[in-house]
C-alpha atoms as a PDB file:
ATOM      1  CA  MET A   1      -4.508   4.894  27.419  1.00  0.00           C
ATOM      2  CA  PHE A   2      -4.605   8.675  26.847  1.00  0.00           C
ATOM      3  CA  PRO A   3      -5.908  10.546  29.943  1.00  0.00           C
ATOM      4  CA  GLY A   4      -8.090  13.461  28.927  1.00  0.00           C
ATOM      5  CA  GLY A   5      -8.511  12.346  25.325  1.00  0.00           C
ATOM      6  CA  ILE A   6      -6.644  11.166  22.259  1.00  0.00           C
ATOM      7  CA  PRO A   7      -3.771  13.339  20.975  1.00  0.00           C
ATOM      8  CA  GLY A   8      -4.746  15.398  17.934  1.00  0.00           C
ATOM      9  CA  ILE A   9      -8.537  14.898  18.287  1.00  0.00           C
ATOM     10  CA  PRO A  10     -10.555  17.929  19.453  1.00  0.00           C
ATOM     11  CA  GLU A  11     -12.905  17.386  22.397  1.00  0.00           C
ATOM     12  CA  SER A  12     -15.837  18.224  20.094  1.00  0.00           C
ATOM     13  CA  ARG A  13     -14.939  15.206  17.960  1.00  0.00           C
ATOM     14  CA  MET A  14     -14.530  12.959  20.989  1.00  0.00           C
ATOM     15  CA  SER A  15     -18.276  13.192  21.662  1.00  0.00           C
ATOM     16  CA  GLU A  16     -18.860  11.331  18.388  1.00  0.00           C
ATOM     17  CA  ARG A  17     -17.060   8.210  19.625  1.00  0.00           C
ATOM     18  CA  ARG A  18     -18.897   4.892  19.706  1.00  0.00           C
ATOM     19  CA  ASP A  19     -18.558   2.008  22.108  1.00  0.00           C
ATOM     20  CA  PHE A  20     -16.287  -0.192  20.000  1.00  0.00           C
ATOM     21  CA  VAL A  21     -12.881  -0.205  18.353  1.00  0.00           C
ATOM     22  CA  PHE A  22     -12.374  -1.868  14.980  1.00  0.00           C
ATOM     23  CA  PRO A  23      -9.428  -4.049  16.006  1.00  0.00           C
ATOM     24  CA  SER A  24      -9.763  -5.604  19.466  1.00  0.00           C
ATOM     25  CA  ALA A  25      -7.744  -2.755  21.004  1.00  0.00           C
ATOM     26  CA  ALA A  26      -6.527   0.657  19.925  1.00  0.00           C
ATOM     27  CA  PHE A  27      -2.981   1.145  18.691  1.00  0.00           C
ATOM     28  CA  GLU A  28      -0.409   2.360  21.189  1.00  0.00           C
ATOM     29  CA  LEU A  29       1.348   5.482  19.945  1.00  0.00           C
ATOM     30  CA  LEU A  30       5.085   5.178  20.639  1.00  0.00           C
ATOM     31  CA  PHE A  31       6.495   8.031  18.559  1.00  0.00           C
ATOM     32  CA  GLU A  32       5.260  10.643  16.110  1.00  0.00           C
ATOM     33  CA  ARG A  33       7.363  13.297  14.411  1.00  0.00           C
ATOM     34  CA  ALA A  34       5.940  16.797  14.671  1.00  0.00           C
ATOM     35  CA  GLY A  35       4.488  18.410  11.589  1.00  0.00           C
ATOM     36  CA  LEU A  36       3.013  15.344   9.868  1.00  0.00           C
ATOM     37  CA  PRO A  37      -0.099  15.987   7.754  1.00  0.00           C
ATOM     38  CA  ALA A  38      -3.437  15.389   9.465  1.00  0.00           C
ATOM     39  CA  PHE A  39      -6.652  14.570   7.633  1.00  0.00           C
ATOM     40  CA  GLU A  40     -10.069  15.033   9.192  1.00  0.00           C
ATOM     41  CA  LEU A  41     -10.625  11.427  10.208  1.00  0.00           C
ATOM     42  CA  PRO A  42     -13.927   9.789  11.156  1.00  0.00           C
ATOM     43  CA  SER A  43     -13.953   9.484  14.933  1.00  0.00           C
ATOM     44  CA  ASP A  44     -13.855   5.656  14.928  1.00  0.00           C
ATOM     45  CA  ILE A  45     -10.723   5.623  12.772  1.00  0.00           C
ATOM     46  CA  ALA A  46      -8.994   8.303  14.848  1.00  0.00           C
ATOM     47  CA  ARG A  47      -9.801   6.491  18.085  1.00  0.00           C
ATOM     48  CA  THR A  48      -8.545   3.163  16.759  1.00  0.00           C
ATOM     49  CA  TYR A  49      -5.357   4.633  15.260  1.00  0.00           C
ATOM     50  CA  SER A  50      -4.733   6.617  18.460  1.00  0.00           C
ATOM     51  CA  GLY A  51      -4.173  10.026  16.947  1.00  0.00           C
ATOM     52  CA  THR A  52      -4.012  11.831  13.654  1.00  0.00           C
ATOM     53  CA  PHE A  53      -3.136  10.588  10.192  1.00  0.00           C
ATOM     54  CA  GLY A  54      -2.544  12.133   6.790  1.00  0.00           C
ATOM     55  CA  VAL A  55      -0.169  12.161   3.838  1.00  0.00           C
ATOM     56  CA  ARG A  56       1.152  15.071   1.826  1.00  0.00           C
ATOM     57  CA  SER A  57      -0.125  15.698  -1.672  1.00  0.00           C
ATOM     58  CA  PRO A  58       1.203  14.692  -4.116  1.00  0.00           C
ATOM     59  CA  SER A  59       2.675  11.542  -2.627  1.00  0.00           C
ATOM     60  CA  LEU A  60       3.521   7.976  -3.591  1.00  0.00           C
ATOM     61  CA  PHE A  61       3.606   5.715  -0.538  1.00  0.00           C
ATOM     62  CA  ALA A  62       4.144   1.994  -0.040  1.00  0.00           C
ATOM     63  CA  ASN A  63       2.624  -0.472   2.404  1.00  0.00           C
ATOM     64  CA  PHE A  64       4.225  -3.810   3.328  1.00  0.00           C
ATOM     65  CA  VAL A  65       4.159  -6.367   6.101  1.00  0.00           C
ATOM     66  CA  ALA A  66       7.475  -8.093   6.841  1.00  0.00           C
ATOM     67  CA  SER A  67       8.580 -10.740   9.306  1.00  0.00           C
ATOM     68  CA  VAL A  68      11.272  -9.895  11.839  1.00  0.00           C
ATOM     69  CA  ASP A  69      13.804 -11.541   9.505  1.00  0.00           C
ATOM     70  CA  GLY A  70      12.675  -9.347   6.605  1.00  0.00           C
ATOM     71  CA  VAL A  71      10.517 -11.702   4.531  1.00  0.00           C
ATOM     72  CA  VAL A  72       7.636 -10.038   2.643  1.00  0.00           C
ATOM     73  CA  ALA A  73       6.802 -12.737   0.070  1.00  0.00           C
ATOM     74  CA  LEU A  74       6.639 -16.501   0.548  1.00  0.00           C
ATOM     75  CA  ASP A  75       7.129 -18.955  -2.268  1.00  0.00           C
ATOM     76  CA  GLY A  76       3.905 -20.687  -3.253  1.00  0.00           C
ATOM     77  CA  ALA A  77       1.844 -19.114  -0.470  1.00  0.00           C
ATOM     78  CA  GLY A  78      -0.704 -17.189  -2.563  1.00  0.00           C
ATOM     79  CA  GLU A  79      -1.646 -14.120  -0.530  1.00  0.00           C
ATOM     80  CA  SER A  80       1.508 -14.451   1.563  1.00  0.00           C
ATOM     81  CA  GLY A  81       0.970 -11.153   3.361  1.00  0.00           C
ATOM     82  CA  HIS A  82      -1.812 -12.714   5.414  1.00  0.00           C
ATOM     83  CA  VAL A  83       0.491 -15.563   6.387  1.00  0.00           C
ATOM     84  CA  ILE A  84       3.354 -13.226   7.270  1.00  0.00           C
ATOM     85  CA  SER A  85       1.108 -10.948   9.330  1.00  0.00           C
ATOM     86  CA  GLY A  86      -0.432 -13.895  11.172  1.00  0.00           C
ATOM     87  CA  GLU A  87      -3.870 -12.680  10.020  1.00  0.00           C
ATOM     88  CA  SER A  88      -3.358  -9.517  12.064  1.00  0.00           C
ATOM     89  CA  GLU A  89      -6.555  -7.459  12.204  1.00  0.00           C
ATOM     90  CA  ALA A  90      -4.507  -4.357  12.983  1.00  0.00           C
ATOM     91  CA  ASP A  91      -2.427  -4.845   9.841  1.00  0.00           C
ATOM     92  CA  ARG A  92      -5.594  -5.211   7.772  1.00  0.00           C
ATOM     93  CA  PHE A  93      -6.953  -2.028   9.370  1.00  0.00           C
ATOM     94  CA  VAL A  94      -3.866  -0.053   8.371  1.00  0.00           C
ATOM     95  CA  MET A  95      -4.053  -1.469   4.835  1.00  0.00           C
ATOM     96  CA  GLY A  96      -7.662  -0.315   4.642  1.00  0.00           C
ATOM     97  CA  LEU A  97      -6.791   3.134   5.988  1.00  0.00           C
ATOM     98  CA  LEU A  98      -4.039   3.622   3.407  1.00  0.00           C
ATOM     99  CA  ARG A  99      -6.304   2.440   0.588  1.00  0.00           C
ATOM    100  CA  ALA A 100      -9.005   4.794   1.836  1.00  0.00           C
ATOM    101  CA  CYS A 101      -6.614   7.721   1.431  1.00  0.00           C
ATOM    102  CA  ALA A 102      -5.396   6.716  -2.032  1.00  0.00           C
ATOM    103  CA  SER A 103      -6.703   7.862  -5.377  1.00  0.00           C
ATOM    104  CA  ALA A 104      -4.899   4.959  -7.073  1.00  0.00           C
ATOM    105  CA  VAL A 105      -3.378   1.652  -5.922  1.00  0.00           C
ATOM    106  CA  LEU A 106      -0.322   0.478  -7.858  1.00  0.00           C
ATOM    107  CA  VAL A 107       0.637  -3.210  -7.926  1.00  0.00           C
ATOM    108  CA  GLY A 108       2.872  -5.459  -9.971  1.00  0.00           C
ATOM    109  CA  ALA A 109       1.685  -8.369 -12.075  1.00  0.00           C
ATOM    110  CA  GLY A 110       3.117 -10.860  -9.576  1.00  0.00           C
ATOM    111  CA  THR A 111       0.958  -9.417  -6.801  1.00  0.00           C
ATOM    112  CA  LEU A 112      -2.137  -9.743  -8.977  1.00  0.00           C
ATOM    113  CA  ARG A 113      -1.241 -13.310  -9.961  1.00  0.00           C
ATOM    114  CA  ALA A 114      -0.788 -14.244  -6.296  1.00  0.00           C
ATOM    115  CA  SER A 115      -4.242 -12.857  -5.421  1.00  0.00           C
ATOM    116  CA  PRO A 116      -6.301 -13.221  -8.621  1.00  0.00           C
ATOM    117  CA  LYS A 117      -9.682 -12.782  -6.913  1.00  0.00           C
ATOM    118  CA  HIS A 118      -8.716  -9.864  -4.685  1.00  0.00           C
ATOM    119  CA  GLN A 119     -10.133  -6.351  -5.004  1.00  0.00           C
ATOM    120  CA  TRP A 120      -7.799  -3.516  -3.955  1.00  0.00           C
ATOM    121  CA  THR A 121     -10.409  -1.524  -2.061  1.00  0.00           C
ATOM    122  CA  PRO A 122     -10.547  -0.391   1.583  1.00  0.00           C
ATOM    123  CA  ALA A 123     -13.667  -2.395   2.401  1.00  0.00           C
ATOM    124  CA  LYS A 124     -12.320  -5.607   0.880  1.00  0.00           C
ATOM    125  CA  ILE A 125      -9.361  -5.791   3.221  1.00  0.00           C
ATOM    126  CA  PHE A 126     -11.185  -4.560   6.349  1.00  0.00           C
ATOM    127  CA  PRO A 127     -14.978  -4.657   5.890  1.00  0.00           C
ATOM    128  CA  GLU A 128     -15.633  -3.779   9.542  1.00  0.00           C
ATOM    129  CA  ALA A 129     -14.636  -0.183   8.760  1.00  0.00           C
ATOM    130  CA  ALA A 130     -16.271   0.089   5.328  1.00  0.00           C
ATOM    131  CA  ALA A 131     -18.602   2.935   6.320  1.00  0.00           C
ATOM    132  CA  ALA A 132     -15.829   4.915   8.014  1.00  0.00           C
ATOM    133  CA  PHE A 133     -13.470   4.424   5.064  1.00  0.00           C
ATOM    134  CA  ALA A 134     -16.198   5.601   2.673  1.00  0.00           C
ATOM    135  CA  GLU A 135     -16.760   8.674   4.854  1.00  0.00           C
ATOM    136  CA  LEU A 136     -13.037   9.445   4.784  1.00  0.00           C
ATOM    137  CA  ARG A 137     -12.919   9.189   0.978  1.00  0.00           C
ATOM    138  CA  ARG A 138     -15.836  11.603   0.703  1.00  0.00           C
ATOM    139  CA  THR A 139     -14.089  14.033   3.052  1.00  0.00           C
ATOM    140  CA  LEU A 140     -10.930  13.866   0.910  1.00  0.00           C
ATOM    141  CA  GLY A 141     -12.911  14.399  -2.292  1.00  0.00           C
ATOM    142  CA  LEU A 142     -11.920  11.009  -3.697  1.00  0.00           C
ATOM    143  CA  SER A 143     -13.902   8.680  -5.933  1.00  0.00           C
ATOM    144  CA  GLU A 144     -15.862   5.814  -4.393  1.00  0.00           C
ATOM    145  CA  GLN A 145     -12.982   3.378  -4.936  1.00  0.00           C
ATOM    146  CA  PRO A 146      -9.284   3.846  -5.765  1.00  0.00           C
ATOM    147  CA  LYS A 147      -8.186   3.134  -9.328  1.00  0.00           C
ATOM    148  CA  LEU A 148      -6.203  -0.098  -9.629  1.00  0.00           C
ATOM    149  CA  VAL A 149      -3.042   0.247 -11.721  1.00  0.00           C
ATOM    150  CA  VAL A 150      -1.208  -2.951 -12.695  1.00  0.00           C
ATOM    151  CA  VAL A 151       2.355  -2.927 -14.035  1.00  0.00           C
ATOM    152  CA  THR A 152       3.359  -5.777 -16.360  1.00  0.00           C
ATOM    153  CA  ALA A 153       6.174  -5.413 -18.861  1.00  0.00           C
ATOM    154  CA  SER A 154       5.539  -8.872 -20.314  1.00  0.00           C
ATOM    155  CA  GLY A 155       1.756  -8.798 -20.358  1.00  0.00           C
ATOM    156  CA  GLU A 156       1.514 -12.025 -18.339  1.00  0.00           C
ATOM    157  CA  LEU A 157      -1.862 -11.476 -16.670  1.00  0.00           C
ATOM    158  CA  ASP A 158      -4.964 -13.574 -16.172  1.00  0.00           C
ATOM    159  CA  PRO A 159      -7.650 -11.585 -18.029  1.00  0.00           C
ATOM    160  CA  SER A 160     -10.384 -13.248 -15.955  1.00  0.00           C
ATOM    161  CA  SER A 161      -9.236 -11.519 -12.761  1.00  0.00           C
ATOM    162  CA  PRO A 162     -12.199  -9.418 -11.539  1.00  0.00           C
ATOM    163  CA  ALA A 163      -9.868  -6.627 -10.400  1.00  0.00           C
ATOM    164  CA  LEU A 164      -8.977  -5.870 -14.026  1.00  0.00           C
ATOM    165  CA  GLY A 165     -12.494  -4.853 -14.966  1.00  0.00           C
ATOM    166  CA  ASP A 166     -11.929  -1.145 -14.340  1.00  0.00           C
ATOM    167  CA  ALA A 167      -8.137  -1.196 -14.030  1.00  0.00           C
ATOM    168  CA  LEU A 168      -5.375   0.623 -15.847  1.00  0.00           C
ATOM    169  CA  VAL A 169      -2.728  -1.806 -17.127  1.00  0.00           C
ATOM    170  CA  ALA A 170       0.700  -0.278 -17.751  1.00  0.00           C
ATOM    171  CA  THR A 171       2.785  -2.349 -20.128  1.00  0.00           C
ATOM    172  CA  THR A 172       5.255  -2.358 -23.007  1.00  0.00           C
ATOM    173  CA  PRO A 173       4.428  -2.701 -26.744  1.00  0.00           C
ATOM    174  CA  ASP A 174       5.036  -6.472 -26.489  1.00  0.00           C
ATOM    175  CA  GLY A 175       2.774  -6.678 -23.454  1.00  0.00           C
ATOM    176  CA  GLU A 176       0.074  -4.654 -25.195  1.00  0.00           C
ATOM    177  CA  ALA A 177       0.142  -7.011 -28.194  1.00  0.00           C
ATOM    178  CA  ARG A 178      -0.356  -9.931 -25.836  1.00  0.00           C
ATOM    179  CA  LEU A 179      -3.171  -8.334 -23.858  1.00  0.00           C
ATOM    180  CA  ARG A 180      -5.120  -6.198 -26.308  1.00  0.00           C
ATOM    181  CA  SER A 181      -7.638  -8.836 -27.388  1.00  0.00           C
ATOM    182  CA  ALA A 182      -7.694 -10.698 -24.067  1.00  0.00           C
ATOM    183  CA  LEU A 183      -8.613  -8.009 -21.535  1.00  0.00           C
ATOM    184  CA  PRO A 184     -12.154  -6.758 -20.893  1.00  0.00           C
ATOM    185  CA  GLN A 185     -13.159  -3.744 -22.976  1.00  0.00           C
ATOM    186  CA  THR A 186     -13.451  -1.721 -19.772  1.00  0.00           C
ATOM    187  CA  THR A 187      -9.757  -2.272 -18.985  1.00  0.00           C
ATOM    188  CA  ARG A 188      -7.519   0.544 -20.161  1.00  0.00           C
ATOM    189  CA  ILE A 189      -4.015  -0.151 -21.459  1.00  0.00           C
ATOM    190  CA  ALA A 190      -1.236   2.429 -21.254  1.00  0.00           C
ATOM    191  CA  ARG A 191       1.857   1.607 -23.311  1.00  0.00           C
ATOM    192  CA  PHE A 192       5.362   2.615 -22.253  1.00  0.00           C
ATOM    193  CA  ALA A 193       8.837   1.944 -23.595  1.00  0.00           C
ATOM    194  CA  PRO A 194      10.670  -1.029 -22.061  1.00  0.00           C
ATOM    195  CA  GLY A 195      13.710  -0.492 -19.869  1.00  0.00           C
ATOM    196  CA  GLY A 196      14.704  -0.078 -16.250  1.00  0.00           C
ATOM    197  CA  ALA A 197      16.981  -1.608 -13.644  1.00  0.00           C
ATOM    198  CA  ARG A 198      15.837  -5.183 -14.373  1.00  0.00           C
ATOM    199  CA  THR A 199      15.526  -7.354 -17.449  1.00  0.00           C
ATOM    200  CA  HIS A 200      12.008  -7.445 -18.942  1.00  0.00           C
ATOM    201  CA  SER A 201      10.956  -4.303 -17.087  1.00  0.00           C
ATOM    202  CA  MET A 202       9.872  -0.749 -17.825  1.00  0.00           C
ATOM    203  CA  THR A 203      10.737   2.598 -16.335  1.00  0.00           C
ATOM    204  CA  LEU A 204       8.015   3.800 -13.994  1.00  0.00           C
ATOM    205  CA  ARG A 205       8.463   7.576 -14.011  1.00  0.00           C
ATOM    206  CA  PRO A 206       6.358   8.082 -17.179  1.00  0.00           C
ATOM    207  CA  LEU A 207       3.565   6.058 -15.581  1.00  0.00           C
ATOM    208  CA  VAL A 208       3.656   8.123 -12.385  1.00  0.00           C
ATOM    209  CA  GLU A 209       3.656  11.303 -14.457  1.00  0.00           C
ATOM    210  CA  LEU A 210       0.604  10.047 -16.364  1.00  0.00           C
ATOM    211  CA  LEU A 211      -1.242   9.283 -13.129  1.00  0.00           C
ATOM    212  CA  ARG A 212      -0.403  12.730 -11.731  1.00  0.00           C
ATOM    213  CA  ALA A 213      -1.614  14.389 -14.935  1.00  0.00           C
ATOM    214  CA  GLU A 214      -4.911  12.529 -14.602  1.00  0.00           C
ATOM    215  CA  GLY A 215      -5.432  13.806 -11.055  1.00  0.00           C
ATOM    216  CA  HIS A 216      -4.092  10.936  -8.971  1.00  0.00           C
ATOM    217  CA  GLU A 217      -2.223  12.899  -6.313  1.00  0.00           C
ATOM    218  CA  LEU A 218      -2.156  10.187  -3.626  1.00  0.00           C
ATOM    219  CA  ILE A 219      -0.831   6.880  -4.966  1.00  0.00           C
ATOM    220  CA  LEU A 220      -0.441   3.788  -2.790  1.00  0.00           C
ATOM    221  CA  THR A 221       1.704   0.863  -3.891  1.00  0.00           C
ATOM    222  CA  GLU A 222       1.337  -2.585  -2.372  1.00  0.00           C
ATOM    223  CA  GLY A 223       4.222  -4.041  -4.331  1.00  0.00           C
ATOM    224  CA  GLY A 224       5.582  -6.503  -4.770  1.00  0.00           C
ATOM    225  CA  PRO A 225       9.270  -6.371  -3.917  1.00  0.00           C
ATOM    226  CA  SER A 226      10.427  -5.921  -7.522  1.00  0.00           C
ATOM    227  CA  LEU A 227       8.019  -3.051  -8.150  1.00  0.00           C
ATOM    228  CA  VAL A 228       8.893  -1.182  -4.965  1.00  0.00           C
ATOM    229  CA  GLY A 229      12.575  -1.738  -5.726  1.00  0.00           C
ATOM    230  CA  GLN A 230      12.108  -0.107  -9.106  1.00  0.00           C
ATOM    231  CA  LEU A 231      10.217   2.821  -7.557  1.00  0.00           C
ATOM    232  CA  LEU A 232      13.025   3.341  -5.054  1.00  0.00           C
ATOM    233  CA  ALA A 233      15.695   3.038  -7.734  1.00  0.00           C
ATOM    234  CA  GLU A 234      13.955   5.787  -9.719  1.00  0.00           C
ATOM    235  CA  ASN A 235      13.513   7.991  -6.604  1.00  0.00           C
ATOM    236  CA  LEU A 236       9.736   7.908  -6.964  1.00  0.00           C
ATOM    237  CA  LEU A 237       8.724   6.653  -3.517  1.00  0.00           C
ATOM    238  CA  ASP A 238       8.004   9.256  -0.826  1.00  0.00           C
ATOM    239  CA  GLU A 239       7.008   7.144   2.191  1.00  0.00           C
ATOM    240  CA  LEU A 240       7.069   3.564   3.426  1.00  0.00           C
ATOM    241  CA  PHE A 241       4.523   2.118   5.859  1.00  0.00           C
ATOM    242  CA  LEU A 242       5.951  -1.097   7.255  1.00  0.00           C
ATOM    243  CA  THR A 243       4.283  -3.569   9.599  1.00  0.00           C
ATOM    244  CA  VAL A 244       6.847  -5.719  11.404  1.00  0.00           C
ATOM    245  CA  SER A 245       5.168  -9.013  12.237  1.00  0.00           C
ATOM    246  CA  PRO A 246       6.492 -11.069  15.183  1.00  0.00           C
ATOM    247  CA  ARG A 247       7.352 -14.077  13.029  1.00  0.00           C
ATOM    248  CA  LEU A 248      10.486 -15.730  11.679  1.00  0.00           C
ATOM    249  CA  PHE A 249      10.532 -17.658   8.400  1.00  0.00           C
ATOM    250  CA  GLY A 250      14.175 -18.169   7.577  1.00  0.00           C
ATOM    251  CA  GLN A 251      15.694 -18.824   4.160  1.00  0.00           C
ATOM    252  CA  GLY A 252      17.149 -21.948   2.661  1.00  0.00           C
ATOM    253  CA  PRO A 253      18.656 -23.080  -0.654  1.00  0.00           C
ATOM    254  CA  ALA A 254      15.317 -24.497  -1.812  1.00  0.00           C
ATOM    255  CA  THR A 255      13.170 -21.480  -0.900  1.00  0.00           C
ATOM    256  CA  ALA A 256      12.365 -18.383  -2.942  1.00  0.00           C
ATOM    257  CA  ARG A 257      11.292 -15.961  -0.237  1.00  0.00           C
ATOM    258  CA  LYS A 258      11.786 -12.304  -1.004  1.00  0.00           C
ATOM    259  CA  PRO A 259      12.763  -9.294   1.112  1.00  0.00           C
ATOM    260  CA  LEU A 260      11.103  -5.882   0.958  1.00  0.00           C
ATOM    261  CA  VAL A 261      13.278  -4.758  -1.975  1.00  0.00           C
ATOM    262  CA  TYR A 262      14.230  -7.208  -4.687  1.00  0.00           C
ATOM    263  CA  GLY A 263      16.187  -6.954  -7.926  1.00  0.00           C
ATOM    264  CA  VAL A 264      18.002  -3.641  -7.408  1.00  0.00           C
ATOM    265  CA  ASP A 265      21.013  -2.409  -5.433  1.00  0.00           C
ATOM    266  CA  LEU A 266      20.046   0.727  -3.504  1.00  0.00           C
ATOM    267  CA  GLY A 267      23.431   1.208  -1.863  1.00  0.00           C
ATOM    268  CA  GLY A 268      22.057   1.921   1.614  1.00  0.00           C
ATOM    269  CA  LYS A 269      19.321   4.432   0.792  1.00  0.00           C
ATOM    270  CA  PRO A 270      18.525   6.311   4.048  1.00  0.00           C
ATOM    271  CA  LEU A 271      15.086   6.487   5.653  1.00  0.00           C
ATOM    272  CA  GLU A 272      13.685   8.825   8.309  1.00  0.00           C
ATOM    273  CA  LEU A 273      11.354   7.462  10.988  1.00  0.00           C
ATOM    274  CA  SER A 274       8.095   9.441  11.067  1.00  0.00           C
ATOM    275  CA  SER A 275       5.984   7.404  13.485  1.00  0.00           C
ATOM    276  CA  ALA A 276       5.821   4.144  15.410  1.00  0.00           C
ATOM    277  CA  ARG A 277       2.763   2.391  16.794  1.00  0.00           C
ATOM    278  CA  LEU A 278       2.270  -0.914  18.582  1.00  0.00           C
ATOM    279  CA  HIS A 279      -0.629  -3.343  18.466  1.00  0.00           C
ATOM    280  CA  GLY A 280       0.014  -6.501  20.449  1.00  0.00           C
ATOM    281  CA  SER A 281       3.457  -7.626  19.271  1.00  0.00           C
ATOM    282  CA  HIS A 282       3.081  -6.050  15.809  1.00  0.00           C
ATOM    283  CA  LEU A 283       5.083  -2.882  15.221  1.00  0.00           C
ATOM    284  CA  PHE A 284       3.763  -0.300  12.743  1.00  0.00           C
ATOM    285  CA  LEU A 285       6.490   1.941  11.352  1.00  0.00           C
ATOM    286  CA  ARG A 286       6.267   4.915   9.006  1.00  0.00           C
ATOM    287  CA  TYR A 287       9.368   6.126   7.189  1.00  0.00           C
ATOM    288  CA  GLY A 288      10.078   9.072   4.950  1.00  0.00           C
ATOM    289  CA  VAL A 289      12.311   8.146   2.028  1.00  0.00           C
ATOM    290  CA  THR A 290      15.341  10.381   1.736  1.00  0.00           C
ATOM    291  CA  LEU A 291      15.906  10.978  -1.957  1.00  0.00           C
ATOM    292  CA  ARG A 292      19.382  10.999  -3.401  1.00  0.00           C
ATOM    293  CA  PRO A 293      20.412  14.139  -5.310  1.00  0.00           C
END
């Protein structure tokens, strides 16, 4: 695909390549804006991703998979992302790569409720690359696993979820009262004042400031749509990684499918395309979020 080597990988690193690629084929690089950050990637990851990858520090970046008609969450589908992606191995690889680069993973309570047994770690979503993801985290000076941060203004969480064992739960005073005696002792609760663009919500800037103060420079959010909408409304999101899956789901009066952003009016917030990759018929887009003054 790339005569003479892969763009952005020195020839000395090319000698480290193995005889397999994690997904069934490498990504096809369609476009990449000059000047993007570049981490020192394990050779298998760089070969699969077809080039360099990195994010600026500090940064808060989101990852979503959406159908061609913009659906990111299906009603009653549990882990709907797998359905929307069509079980795409390339999408799972990118999810693992982004988790591998993150110090913390931020999700909303709805995302946790939809996947109560999930663990938000790189190896969980793409175990084939577990060793390479672990190597990347060591190179970046990150802990063994990213810290899970769950946002719930109401405190409506299942305390038996294994992901909560070492998580940080951000909630309101009412949510704290509901959760304090129910959560494992190893779960930390951070209390914030209620408020925000939606009813029964909380502003997220104090939470992000807390995470930054505690050393979490690279924060990944995997949603859901209400949480990412709130982050965008507060001008907290720096980048969006979006997988466009070649599927159509449609919308009807009896369905409750959600788009990428839900619950806020962003008034046409502009984005800047940073890169585009192709794997089969799945399109992998990276956008910088242009902040309003």
